[in-house]
Amino acid sequence: MPKKKTGKTPNPIPTIGAEEMAIFQFIQQKSAATVREVADHFADHGKARTTVLTVMDRLRSKGLLSRKKVGASFQYQPCVEPSVVIQSMVKDFVRRVLGGSISPFTAYMSQSGEMTESEIQELKKVVAELEQKQIDSKANS
């Protein structure tokens, strides 16, 4: 399997749609998969093999998948961690849909009441880390 990129990547991750994300996540869960394996999995969702192949080739051209010849077929592998892809999607969503502001998101989270205790603790941890980064940034200025 190719070496996975972690953390910040030199090239920004391209935006991907829901269909691309579903296929990327399936391949990530398996570590590697052929077009046939992916097409068989998504056949229940009404996806034809040719559609799956097109999506996988798009993911490869975007630098998210690589492929290698194994026997008579190609095996596709993820080139980046899913967390990097998700982070890029969230950043794009905030920029494109929320106009760069996370205020609508935080308002939704506070009003939805759907967060578990562990998610609230995770959010508190993120806020504490952000506060520490601001303190460190001011100290280094």
N, C-alpha and C. Protein backbone atom coordinates (compact mmCIF):
# COMPACT_ATOMS: atom_id res chain seq x y z
N MET A 1 0.85 -1.18 0.00
CA MET A 1 0.00 0.00 0.00
C MET A 1 0.89 1.24 0.00
N PRO A 2 0.55 2.25 -0.81
CA PRO A 2 1.37 3.44 -0.85
C PRO A 2 1.36 4.15 0.49
N LYS A 3 2.43 4.89 0.71
CA LYS A 3 2.53 5.64 1.96
C LYS A 3 1.41 6.66 2.01
N LYS A 4 0.71 6.69 3.14
CA LYS A 4 -0.41 7.61 3.30
C LYS A 4 0.09 8.96 3.76
N LYS A 5 -0.55 9.99 3.27
CA LYS A 5 -0.24 11.34 3.70
C LYS A 5 -1.02 11.61 4.98
N THR A 6 -0.39 12.29 5.90
CA THR A 6 -1.09 12.65 7.13
C THR A 6 -0.86 14.11 7.41
N GLY A 7 -1.70 14.66 8.27
CA GLY A 7 -1.53 16.06 8.64
C GLY A 7 -1.79 16.97 7.47
N LYS A 8 -1.00 18.04 7.38
CA LYS A 8 -1.18 18.99 6.29
C LYS A 8 -0.58 18.42 5.02
N THR A 9 -1.28 18.59 3.93
CA THR A 9 -0.79 18.13 2.65
C THR A 9 -0.36 19.33 1.83
N PRO A 10 0.68 19.17 1.00
CA PRO A 10 1.15 20.30 0.22
C PRO A 10 0.11 20.77 -0.79
N ASN A 11 -0.66 19.84 -1.34
CA ASN A 11 -1.70 20.18 -2.30
C ASN A 11 -3.05 20.05 -1.61
N PRO A 12 -3.94 21.03 -1.80
CA PRO A 12 -5.24 20.92 -1.15
C PRO A 12 -6.02 19.72 -1.69
N ILE A 13 -6.81 19.13 -0.82
CA ILE A 13 -7.64 18.00 -1.22
C ILE A 13 -8.80 18.54 -2.04
N PRO A 14 -9.04 17.98 -3.22
CA PRO A 14 -10.16 18.47 -4.03
C PRO A 14 -11.50 18.11 -3.38
N THR A 15 -12.50 18.89 -3.69
CA THR A 15 -13.84 18.63 -3.19
C THR A 15 -14.38 17.37 -3.84
N ILE A 16 -15.05 16.54 -3.04
CA ILE A 16 -15.67 15.34 -3.60
C ILE A 16 -17.13 15.30 -3.17
N GLY A 17 -17.94 14.66 -4.00
CA GLY A 17 -19.36 14.55 -3.72
C GLY A 17 -19.68 13.34 -2.86
N ALA A 18 -20.95 13.19 -2.55
CA ALA A 18 -21.41 12.11 -1.67
C ALA A 18 -21.12 10.74 -2.26
N GLU A 19 -21.33 10.58 -3.56
CA GLU A 19 -21.08 9.30 -4.22
C GLU A 19 -19.59 8.95 -4.16
N GLU A 20 -18.75 9.93 -4.44
CA GLU A 20 -17.31 9.71 -4.37
C GLU A 20 -16.89 9.38 -2.94
N MET A 21 -17.45 10.07 -1.97
CA MET A 21 -17.10 9.83 -0.57
C MET A 21 -17.51 8.42 -0.14
N ALA A 22 -18.68 7.97 -0.55
CA ALA A 22 -19.14 6.62 -0.19
C ALA A 22 -18.19 5.56 -0.74
N ILE A 23 -17.77 5.72 -1.98
CA ILE A 23 -16.85 4.76 -2.59
C ILE A 23 -15.47 4.85 -1.95
N PHE A 24 -15.00 6.07 -1.70
CA PHE A 24 -13.70 6.25 -1.04
C PHE A 24 -13.70 5.57 0.33
N GLN A 25 -14.77 5.79 1.11
CA GLN A 25 -14.84 5.19 2.45
C GLN A 25 -14.89 3.67 2.39
N PHE A 26 -15.61 3.13 1.41
CA PHE A 26 -15.67 1.67 1.27
C PHE A 26 -14.28 1.10 1.00
N ILE A 27 -13.56 1.73 0.08
CA ILE A 27 -12.20 1.26 -0.25
C ILE A 27 -11.29 1.43 0.96
N GLN A 28 -11.42 2.54 1.67
CA GLN A 28 -10.61 2.78 2.87
C GLN A 28 -10.86 1.69 3.92
N GLN A 29 -12.10 1.32 4.12
CA GLN A 29 -12.43 0.29 5.11
C GLN A 29 -11.82 -1.06 4.75
N LYS A 30 -11.72 -1.34 3.46
CA LYS A 30 -11.14 -2.60 3.01
C LYS A 30 -9.62 -2.52 2.84
N SER A 31 -9.05 -1.33 2.89
CA SER A 31 -7.63 -1.05 2.63
C SER A 31 -7.30 -1.05 1.15
N ALA A 32 -7.96 -1.89 0.38
CA ALA A 32 -7.78 -1.94 -1.07
C ALA A 32 -8.96 -2.71 -1.65
N ALA A 33 -9.31 -2.39 -2.90
CA ALA A 33 -10.44 -3.09 -3.53
C ALA A 33 -10.35 -2.97 -5.04
N THR A 34 -10.89 -3.96 -5.71
CA THR A 34 -10.99 -3.93 -7.17
C THR A 34 -12.31 -3.27 -7.55
N VAL A 35 -12.43 -2.92 -8.82
CA VAL A 35 -13.67 -2.33 -9.31
C VAL A 35 -14.81 -3.32 -9.09
N ARG A 36 -14.55 -4.60 -9.33
CA ARG A 36 -15.59 -5.62 -9.15
C ARG A 36 -16.10 -5.65 -7.71
N GLU A 37 -15.18 -5.61 -6.74
CA GLU A 37 -15.58 -5.64 -5.33
C GLU A 37 -16.43 -4.43 -4.97
N VAL A 38 -16.01 -3.27 -5.45
CA VAL A 38 -16.76 -2.05 -5.16
C VAL A 38 -18.11 -2.08 -5.87
N ALA A 39 -18.11 -2.50 -7.14
CA ALA A 39 -19.36 -2.57 -7.90
C ALA A 39 -20.34 -3.57 -7.28
N ASP A 40 -19.83 -4.70 -6.82
CA ASP A 40 -20.70 -5.69 -6.17
C ASP A 40 -21.33 -5.10 -4.92
N HIS A 41 -20.54 -4.38 -4.14
CA HIS A 41 -21.05 -3.77 -2.91
C HIS A 41 -22.13 -2.72 -3.21
N PHE A 42 -21.90 -1.90 -4.23
CA PHE A 42 -22.83 -0.81 -4.53
C PHE A 42 -23.94 -1.20 -5.51
N ALA A 43 -23.96 -2.45 -5.97
CA ALA A 43 -25.02 -2.91 -6.87
C ALA A 43 -26.39 -2.79 -6.20
N ASP A 44 -26.43 -3.03 -4.89
CA ASP A 44 -27.69 -2.91 -4.15
C ASP A 44 -28.21 -1.48 -4.14
N HIS A 45 -27.32 -0.53 -4.37
CA HIS A 45 -27.70 0.89 -4.39
C HIS A 45 -28.01 1.36 -5.81
N GLY A 46 -28.07 0.42 -6.75
CA GLY A 46 -28.39 0.76 -8.13
C GLY A 46 -27.25 1.33 -8.94
N LYS A 47 -26.02 1.13 -8.48
CA LYS A 47 -24.86 1.65 -9.20
C LYS A 47 -24.33 0.59 -10.17
N ALA A 48 -24.24 0.96 -11.43
CA ALA A 48 -23.69 0.05 -12.44
C ALA A 48 -22.17 0.01 -12.32
N ARG A 49 -21.57 -1.08 -12.80
CA ARG A 49 -20.12 -1.23 -12.74
C ARG A 49 -19.42 -0.07 -13.44
N THR A 50 -19.97 0.36 -14.58
CA THR A 50 -19.34 1.46 -15.32
C THR A 50 -19.37 2.76 -14.52
N THR A 51 -20.46 2.98 -13.79
CA THR A 51 -20.55 4.18 -12.94
C THR A 51 -19.51 4.13 -11.84
N VAL A 52 -19.38 2.96 -11.21
CA VAL A 52 -18.39 2.78 -10.14
C VAL A 52 -16.99 3.01 -10.68
N LEU A 53 -16.69 2.46 -11.85
CA LEU A 53 -15.38 2.65 -12.47
C LEU A 53 -15.11 4.12 -12.74
N THR A 54 -16.11 4.83 -13.26
CA THR A 54 -15.96 6.26 -13.53
C THR A 54 -15.64 7.03 -12.25
N VAL A 55 -16.37 6.73 -11.18
CA VAL A 55 -16.15 7.42 -9.91
C VAL A 55 -14.76 7.09 -9.37
N MET A 56 -14.35 5.83 -9.45
CA MET A 56 -13.03 5.44 -8.95
C MET A 56 -11.92 6.12 -9.76
N ASP A 57 -12.11 6.23 -11.06
CA ASP A 57 -11.11 6.93 -11.88
C ASP A 57 -11.07 8.42 -11.56
N ARG A 58 -12.23 9.01 -11.25
CA ARG A 58 -12.25 10.42 -10.82
C ARG A 58 -11.48 10.59 -9.52
N LEU A 59 -11.70 9.68 -8.58
CA LEU A 59 -10.98 9.74 -7.30
C LEU A 59 -9.48 9.58 -7.53
N ARG A 60 -9.11 8.74 -8.47
CA ARG A 60 -7.69 8.56 -8.78
C ARG A 60 -7.11 9.81 -9.42
N SER A 61 -7.86 10.43 -10.33
CA SER A 61 -7.36 11.65 -10.98
C SER A 61 -7.27 12.82 -9.99
N LYS A 62 -8.07 12.77 -8.92
CA LYS A 62 -8.02 13.79 -7.88
C LYS A 62 -6.92 13.50 -6.86
N GLY A 63 -6.22 12.38 -7.02
CA GLY A 63 -5.12 12.05 -6.13
C GLY A 63 -5.54 11.39 -4.83
N LEU A 64 -6.77 10.90 -4.76
CA LEU A 64 -7.25 10.28 -3.54
C LEU A 64 -7.10 8.77 -3.54
N LEU A 65 -7.02 8.18 -4.73
CA LEU A 65 -6.79 6.75 -4.86
C LEU A 65 -5.61 6.50 -5.78
N SER A 66 -4.93 5.39 -5.56
CA SER A 66 -3.92 4.92 -6.50
C SER A 66 -4.36 3.52 -6.92
N ARG A 67 -3.74 3.00 -7.95
CA ARG A 67 -4.08 1.64 -8.36
C ARG A 67 -2.83 0.90 -8.78
N LYS A 68 -2.90 -0.41 -8.63
CA LYS A 68 -1.81 -1.25 -9.11
C LYS A 68 -2.41 -2.50 -9.73
N LYS A 69 -1.70 -3.02 -10.71
CA LYS A 69 -2.16 -4.20 -11.42
C LYS A 69 -1.93 -5.43 -10.55
N VAL A 70 -3.00 -6.18 -10.33
CA VAL A 70 -2.92 -7.43 -9.57
C VAL A 70 -3.63 -8.47 -10.42
N GLY A 71 -2.84 -9.35 -11.03
CA GLY A 71 -3.43 -10.33 -11.93
C GLY A 71 -4.01 -9.63 -13.15
N ALA A 72 -5.28 -9.92 -13.42
CA ALA A 72 -5.93 -9.34 -14.60
C ALA A 72 -6.68 -8.05 -14.29
N SER A 73 -6.67 -7.61 -13.04
CA SER A 73 -7.43 -6.41 -12.70
C SER A 73 -6.58 -5.42 -11.91
N PHE A 74 -7.14 -4.25 -11.70
CA PHE A 74 -6.48 -3.23 -10.90
C PHE A 74 -7.04 -3.24 -9.49
N GLN A 75 -6.15 -3.03 -8.54
CA GLN A 75 -6.56 -2.89 -7.15
C GLN A 75 -6.34 -1.43 -6.77
N TYR A 76 -7.39 -0.81 -6.23
CA TYR A 76 -7.35 0.60 -5.85
C TYR A 76 -7.12 0.72 -4.36
N GLN A 77 -6.28 1.71 -3.98
CA GLN A 77 -5.95 1.94 -2.58
C GLN A 77 -6.05 3.43 -2.29
N PRO A 78 -6.45 3.78 -1.07
CA PRO A 78 -6.49 5.20 -0.71
C PRO A 78 -5.09 5.78 -0.58
N CYS A 79 -4.94 7.04 -0.98
CA CYS A 79 -3.65 7.74 -0.87
C CYS A 79 -3.63 8.71 0.30
N VAL A 80 -4.78 9.00 0.85
CA VAL A 80 -4.88 9.94 1.98
C VAL A 80 -5.80 9.34 3.04
N GLU A 81 -5.63 9.81 4.25
CA GLU A 81 -6.48 9.36 5.35
C GLU A 81 -7.88 9.96 5.19
N PRO A 82 -8.91 9.23 5.58
CA PRO A 82 -10.28 9.77 5.49
C PRO A 82 -10.44 11.06 6.28
N SER A 83 -9.76 11.18 7.40
CA SER A 83 -9.89 12.40 8.22
C SER A 83 -9.44 13.63 7.45
N VAL A 84 -8.44 13.48 6.58
CA VAL A 84 -7.96 14.60 5.78
C VAL A 84 -9.02 15.00 4.75
N VAL A 85 -9.67 13.99 4.16
CA VAL A 85 -10.72 14.25 3.17
C VAL A 85 -11.92 14.92 3.85
N ILE A 86 -12.31 14.40 5.01
CA ILE A 86 -13.46 14.96 5.73
C ILE A 86 -13.16 16.39 6.16
N GLN A 87 -11.96 16.63 6.66
CA GLN A 87 -11.57 17.99 7.07
C GLN A 87 -11.68 18.95 5.88
N SER A 88 -11.25 18.50 4.72
CA SER A 88 -11.33 19.33 3.52
C SER A 88 -12.78 19.60 3.14
N MET A 89 -13.64 18.57 3.27
CA MET A 89 -15.06 18.74 2.95
C MET A 89 -15.72 19.72 3.91
N VAL A 90 -15.39 19.63 5.19
CA VAL A 90 -15.96 20.55 6.18
C VAL A 90 -15.50 21.97 5.89
N LYS A 91 -14.22 22.13 5.59
CA LYS A 91 -13.69 23.47 5.28
C LYS A 91 -14.41 24.05 4.07
N ASP A 92 -14.62 23.23 3.04
CA ASP A 92 -15.33 23.68 1.84
C ASP A 92 -16.78 24.04 2.18
N PHE A 93 -17.44 23.23 3.00
CA PHE A 93 -18.82 23.50 3.41
C PHE A 93 -18.92 24.83 4.15
N VAL A 94 -18.02 25.04 5.10
CA VAL A 94 -18.04 26.29 5.87
C VAL A 94 -17.82 27.48 4.94
N ARG A 95 -16.89 27.35 4.01
CA ARG A 95 -16.61 28.45 3.08
C ARG A 95 -17.77 28.69 2.12
N ARG A 96 -18.25 27.62 1.50
CA ARG A 96 -19.24 27.73 0.43
C ARG A 96 -20.66 27.95 0.95
N VAL A 97 -21.07 27.19 1.95
CA VAL A 97 -22.45 27.23 2.42
C VAL A 97 -22.65 28.24 3.56
N LEU A 98 -21.69 28.29 4.47
CA LEU A 98 -21.84 29.15 5.64
C LEU A 98 -21.12 30.49 5.48
N GLY A 99 -20.59 30.75 4.30
CA GLY A 99 -19.93 32.03 4.05
C GLY A 99 -18.68 32.25 4.87
N GLY A 100 -18.03 31.16 5.29
CA GLY A 100 -16.79 31.26 6.05
C GLY A 100 -16.99 31.39 7.55
N SER A 101 -18.22 31.46 8.00
CA SER A 101 -18.49 31.62 9.43
C SER A 101 -19.00 30.31 10.03
N ILE A 102 -18.48 29.97 11.20
CA ILE A 102 -18.97 28.76 11.86
C ILE A 102 -20.12 29.06 12.82
N SER A 103 -20.51 30.33 12.92
CA SER A 103 -21.60 30.70 13.83
C SER A 103 -22.90 29.94 13.56
N PRO A 104 -23.34 29.79 12.29
CA PRO A 104 -24.57 29.02 12.07
C PRO A 104 -24.43 27.56 12.53
N PHE A 105 -23.25 27.01 12.37
CA PHE A 105 -23.01 25.63 12.80
C PHE A 105 -23.07 25.52 14.32
N THR A 106 -22.41 26.43 15.01
CA THR A 106 -22.41 26.36 16.47
C THR A 106 -23.82 26.62 17.02
N ALA A 107 -24.58 27.50 16.37
CA ALA A 107 -25.96 27.74 16.80
C ALA A 107 -26.78 26.46 16.62
N TYR A 108 -26.60 25.79 15.49
CA TYR A 108 -27.31 24.53 15.26
C TYR A 108 -26.95 23.50 16.32
N MET A 109 -25.67 23.36 16.59
CA MET A 109 -25.22 22.36 17.57
C MET A 109 -25.80 22.64 18.95
N SER A 110 -25.88 23.90 19.33
CA SER A 110 -26.40 24.23 20.66
C SER A 110 -27.91 24.03 20.75
N GLN A 111 -28.60 24.13 19.63
CA GLN A 111 -30.06 24.00 19.63
C GLN A 111 -30.55 22.60 19.32
N SER A 112 -29.73 21.79 18.66
CA SER A 112 -30.20 20.47 18.22
C SER A 112 -30.38 19.50 19.39
N GLY A 113 -29.55 19.63 20.42
CA GLY A 113 -29.66 18.73 21.56
C GLY A 113 -29.34 17.29 21.24
N GLU A 114 -28.65 17.04 20.14
CA GLU A 114 -28.36 15.68 19.71
C GLU A 114 -26.94 15.22 20.03
N MET A 115 -26.19 16.01 20.76
CA MET A 115 -24.80 15.64 21.06
C MET A 115 -24.75 14.73 22.28
N THR A 116 -23.90 13.71 22.18
CA THR A 116 -23.69 12.82 23.31
C THR A 116 -22.71 13.47 24.28
N GLU A 117 -22.62 12.92 25.47
CA GLU A 117 -21.69 13.45 26.47
C GLU A 117 -20.25 13.37 25.95
N SER A 118 -19.90 12.27 25.28
CA SER A 118 -18.53 12.14 24.77
C SER A 118 -18.25 13.15 23.66
N GLU A 119 -19.25 13.46 22.84
CA GLU A 119 -19.07 14.47 21.80
C GLU A 119 -18.90 15.85 22.41
N ILE A 120 -19.64 16.12 23.48
CA ILE A 120 -19.49 17.41 24.17
C ILE A 120 -18.09 17.52 24.77
N GLN A 121 -17.59 16.43 25.36
CA GLN A 121 -16.24 16.44 25.92
C GLN A 121 -15.19 16.64 24.82
N GLU A 122 -15.41 16.00 23.68
CA GLU A 122 -14.49 16.16 22.55
C GLU A 122 -14.49 17.61 22.07
N LEU A 123 -15.66 18.22 22.01
CA LEU A 123 -15.78 19.62 21.60
C LEU A 123 -15.07 20.54 22.59
N LYS A 124 -15.22 20.26 23.88
CA LYS A 124 -14.53 21.05 24.91
C LYS A 124 -13.02 20.94 24.74
N LYS A 125 -12.55 19.75 24.40
CA LYS A 125 -11.12 19.53 24.19
C LYS A 125 -10.63 20.36 23.00
N VAL A 126 -11.40 20.38 21.92
CA VAL A 126 -11.04 21.16 20.74
C VAL A 126 -10.99 22.65 21.09
N VAL A 127 -11.97 23.13 21.83
CA VAL A 127 -12.00 24.54 22.24
C VAL A 127 -10.77 24.87 23.09
N ALA A 128 -10.43 23.98 24.02
CA ALA A 128 -9.25 24.20 24.87
C ALA A 128 -7.98 24.27 24.03
N GLU A 129 -7.88 23.40 23.02
CA GLU A 129 -6.71 23.40 22.14
C GLU A 129 -6.64 24.70 21.33
N LEU A 130 -7.79 25.17 20.85
CA LEU A 130 -7.83 26.43 20.10
C LEU A 130 -7.43 27.60 20.99
N GLU A 131 -7.92 27.60 22.22
CA GLU A 131 -7.55 28.67 23.15
C GLU A 131 -6.05 28.66 23.43
N GLN A 132 -5.48 27.47 23.57
CA GLN A 132 -4.04 27.36 23.82
C GLN A 132 -3.25 27.85 22.61
N LYS A 133 -3.71 27.54 21.41
CA LYS A 133 -3.04 28.02 20.19
C LYS A 133 -3.06 29.55 20.14
N GLN A 134 -4.18 30.15 20.52
CA GLN A 134 -4.26 31.61 20.53
C GLN A 134 -3.29 32.20 21.55
N ILE A 135 -3.21 31.60 22.72
CA ILE A 135 -2.27 32.06 23.76
C ILE A 135 -0.84 31.95 23.25
N ASP A 136 -0.51 30.79 22.67
CA ASP A 136 0.84 30.57 22.14
C ASP A 136 1.16 31.56 21.02
N SER A 137 0.18 31.81 20.16
CA SER A 137 0.37 32.73 19.04
C SER A 137 0.65 34.15 19.54
N LYS A 138 -0.09 34.58 20.55
CA LYS A 138 0.11 35.92 21.12
C LYS A 138 1.46 36.01 21.81
N ALA A 139 1.88 34.93 22.45
CA ALA A 139 3.17 34.93 23.16
C ALA A 139 4.33 35.00 22.18
N ASN A 140 4.15 34.45 20.98
CA ASN A 140 5.22 34.43 19.97
C ASN A 140 5.21 35.67 19.09
N SER A 141 4.22 36.53 19.26
CA SER A 141 4.12 37.74 18.43
C SER A 141 4.97 38.86 18.94
